[in-house]
Protein backbone atom coordinates (compact mmCIF):
# COMPACT_ATOMS: atom_id res chain seq x y z
CA UNK A 1 -13.67 1.53 -18.14
CA UNK A 2 -14.81 -1.62 -16.39
CA UNK A 3 -14.95 -2.37 -12.72
CA UNK A 4 -15.63 -5.34 -10.53
CA UNK A 5 -15.30 -6.77 -7.05
CA UNK A 6 -13.12 -9.78 -6.43
CA UNK A 7 -12.98 -11.95 -3.33
CA UNK A 8 -9.34 -12.96 -2.68
CA UNK A 9 -10.31 -15.86 -0.39
CA UNK A 10 -12.59 -17.95 -2.57
CA UNK A 11 -12.33 -21.31 -0.77
CA UNK A 12 -13.18 -19.95 2.66
CA UNK A 13 -16.27 -18.57 4.32
CA UNK A 14 -14.08 -15.90 5.90
CA UNK A 15 -13.20 -12.96 3.67
CA UNK A 16 -10.26 -10.78 4.61
CA UNK A 17 -11.35 -7.93 2.38
CA UNK A 18 -12.93 -7.13 -0.94
CA UNK A 19 -10.74 -5.61 -3.59
CA UNK A 20 -11.95 -3.12 -6.13
CA UNK A 21 -10.43 -3.43 -9.60
CA UNK A 22 -10.69 -0.62 -12.14
CA UNK A 23 -8.94 -0.86 -15.45
CA UNK A 24 -8.94 0.84 -18.82
CA UNK A 25 -9.60 -1.04 -21.97
CA UNK A 26 -8.68 0.07 -25.46
CA UNK A 27 -6.47 3.02 -24.54
CA UNK A 28 -3.37 3.79 -22.54
CA UNK A 29 -4.20 6.14 -19.69
CA UNK A 30 -1.90 9.06 -19.03
CA UNK A 31 -0.42 9.55 -15.58
CA UNK A 32 -3.08 12.15 -14.78
CA UNK A 33 -5.87 9.87 -16.03
CA UNK A 34 -4.53 7.01 -13.88
CA UNK A 35 -4.49 9.31 -10.86
CA UNK A 36 -8.12 10.24 -11.52
CA UNK A 37 -9.11 6.59 -11.95
CA UNK A 38 -7.39 5.63 -8.69
CA UNK A 39 -9.02 8.58 -6.91
CA UNK A 40 -12.42 7.45 -8.20
CA UNK A 41 -11.68 3.90 -6.98
CA UNK A 42 -10.77 5.23 -3.53
CA UNK A 43 -13.97 7.26 -3.38
CA UNK A 44 -16.10 4.32 -4.58
CA UNK A 45 -14.48 1.95 -2.07
CA UNK A 46 -15.12 4.30 0.84
CA UNK A 47 -18.71 4.85 -0.31
CA UNK A 48 -19.28 1.08 -0.27
CA UNK A 49 -17.93 0.93 3.27
CA UNK A 50 -20.07 3.88 4.30
CA UNK A 51 -23.22 2.19 2.96
CA UNK A 52 -22.27 -1.08 4.69
CA UNK A 53 -22.29 -2.82 1.31
CA UNK A 54 -19.03 -4.50 2.35
CA UNK A 55 -17.12 -4.91 5.60
CA UNK A 56 -13.49 -4.40 4.53
CA UNK A 57 -11.79 -3.23 1.35
CA UNK A 58 -8.32 -2.65 -0.01
CA UNK A 59 -7.32 -0.12 -2.64
CA UNK A 60 -4.05 0.13 -4.55
CA UNK A 61 -2.61 3.60 -5.12
CA UNK A 62 0.52 4.26 -7.16
CA UNK A 63 3.29 6.51 -5.93
CA UNK A 64 2.58 8.76 -8.91
CA UNK A 65 -1.04 9.21 -7.88
CA UNK A 66 -0.06 10.05 -4.31
CA UNK A 67 2.60 12.50 -5.54
CA UNK A 68 0.12 14.31 -7.78
CA UNK A 69 -3.06 14.42 -5.69
CA UNK A 70 -2.13 13.67 -2.07
CA UNK A 71 -4.21 16.56 -0.71
CA UNK A 72 -7.27 15.41 -2.64
CA UNK A 73 -6.81 11.83 -1.40
CA UNK A 74 -6.49 13.08 2.19
CA UNK A 75 -9.72 15.08 1.74
CA UNK A 76 -11.55 11.97 0.48
CA UNK A 77 -10.27 10.00 3.48
CA UNK A 78 -11.35 12.78 5.84
CA UNK A 79 -14.87 12.75 4.37
CA UNK A 80 -15.14 9.06 5.31
CA UNK A 81 -13.25 9.19 8.60
CA UNK A 82 -15.79 6.94 10.36
CA UNK A 83 -15.11 3.97 8.06
CA UNK A 84 -11.38 4.20 7.38
CA UNK A 85 -10.67 1.60 10.07
CA UNK A 86 -12.20 -0.97 7.68
CA UNK A 87 -10.00 0.10 4.82
CA UNK A 88 -6.45 -0.76 3.73
CA UNK A 89 -4.10 0.74 1.16
CA UNK A 90 -1.43 -0.85 -0.99
CA UNK A 91 1.08 1.73 -2.21
CA UNK A 92 2.92 0.57 -5.31
CA UNK A 93 5.65 1.78 -7.58
CA UNK A 94 9.32 2.02 -8.31
CA UNK A 95 11.63 3.80 -5.91
CA UNK A 96 13.82 4.74 -8.86
CA UNK A 97 10.95 6.68 -10.46
CA UNK A 98 9.71 8.23 -7.21
CA UNK A 99 10.00 12.01 -7.45
CA UNK A 100 8.52 13.29 -4.19
CA UNK A 101 9.42 10.87 -1.39
CA UNK A 102 8.37 13.34 1.29
CA UNK A 103 4.85 13.53 -0.14
CA UNK A 104 4.46 9.74 -0.22
CA UNK A 105 5.92 9.43 3.30
CA UNK A 106 3.59 12.13 4.61
CA UNK A 107 0.60 10.40 3.03
CA UNK A 108 1.71 7.06 4.51
CA UNK A 109 1.95 8.66 7.96
CA UNK A 110 -1.48 10.26 7.47
CA UNK A 111 -2.90 6.80 6.74
CA UNK A 112 -1.17 5.28 9.75
CA UNK A 113 -2.45 8.09 11.99
CA UNK A 114 -5.97 7.11 10.92
CA UNK A 115 -5.22 3.44 11.74
CA UNK A 116 -5.33 2.50 8.03
CA UNK A 117 -3.12 -0.52 7.32
CA UNK A 118 -0.56 0.29 4.61
CA UNK A 119 1.15 -2.27 2.41
CA UNK A 120 3.78 -1.86 -0.29
CA UNK A 121 4.54 -3.37 -3.65
CA UNK A 122 7.95 -2.04 -4.62
CA UNK A 123 9.85 -2.67 -7.81
CA UNK A 124 13.60 -2.28 -7.92
CA UNK A 125 16.38 -3.41 -10.25
CA UNK A 126 19.08 -4.21 -7.68
CA UNK A 127 19.79 -5.31 -4.10
CA UNK A 128 20.96 -1.82 -3.18
CA UNK A 129 17.51 -0.54 -4.18
CA UNK A 130 15.95 -3.25 -1.97
CA UNK A 131 17.93 -1.97 1.01
CA UNK A 132 16.91 1.59 0.13
CA UNK A 133 13.29 0.39 -0.02
CA UNK A 134 13.48 -0.82 3.59
CA UNK A 135 14.58 2.65 4.65
CA UNK A 136 11.73 4.20 2.69
CA UNK A 137 9.05 1.88 4.08
CA UNK A 138 10.19 2.06 7.72
CA UNK A 139 8.11 -0.87 9.01
CA UNK A 140 6.09 -0.23 12.16
CA UNK A 141 6.54 -3.76 13.41
CA UNK A 142 9.87 -4.23 15.10
CA UNK A 143 9.46 -7.92 15.85
CA UNK A 144 10.81 -10.58 13.54
CA UNK A 145 9.58 -14.13 13.33
CA UNK A 146 12.39 -16.66 13.26
CA UNK A 147 13.06 -18.33 9.92
CA UNK A 148 14.42 -21.84 9.82
CA UNK A 149 17.09 -22.07 7.15
CA UNK A 150 20.74 -22.93 6.76
CA UNK A 151 21.21 -20.59 3.80
CA UNK A 152 23.69 -17.83 4.67
CA UNK A 153 22.02 -15.41 2.24
CA UNK A 154 18.74 -15.61 4.13
CA UNK A 155 20.41 -14.75 7.43
CA UNK A 156 22.29 -11.85 5.83
CA UNK A 157 18.96 -10.52 4.53
CA UNK A 158 17.35 -10.88 7.97
CA UNK A 159 20.28 -9.05 9.56
CA UNK A 160 20.05 -6.23 6.98
CA UNK A 161 16.30 -5.95 7.50
CA UNK A 162 16.65 -5.84 11.27
CA UNK A 163 19.38 -3.18 11.12
CA UNK A 164 17.22 -1.05 8.79
CA UNK A 165 14.28 -1.38 11.17
CA UNK A 166 16.44 -0.36 14.14
CA UNK A 167 16.52 -3.77 15.82
CA UNK A 168 20.03 -4.42 17.20
CA UNK A 169 21.53 -7.84 16.36
CA UNK A 170 21.87 -10.25 19.29
CA UNK A 171 24.12 -13.15 19.97
């Protein structure tokens, strides 16, 4: 296994966050092994924050990892409660393969309760899955920035997003 730190904003003196990459080389990790690797990455990232080695960091966790070891992940976060405000999580996966939505939602809410920013990288094969994804994510922000476009499809998407977020259409 290799690891490294990457700075996503190379051309600027301001860094938004460091990102920890862990990957396997030479073998295909099982689901359990991937969960352990991601757990180790989470622990290492929080240790770096705790030691003030970095100021902000983001970690990607798959839905499968959260489904399998949510309690363990919550325990790791609790152990580093004083630095979680400098931490962000990207949850990734396919809604079609998600088996325990309630576990992932509970973990997301646990992160939000600790003021941890949560992002999503969702994969889906169809537009109906995209609409389902909006319901799953339930964005906290209820404000929408205006988009300038004459494309009807864009405005239909904005309307669908706003309805899913609970923002009534106006006009």
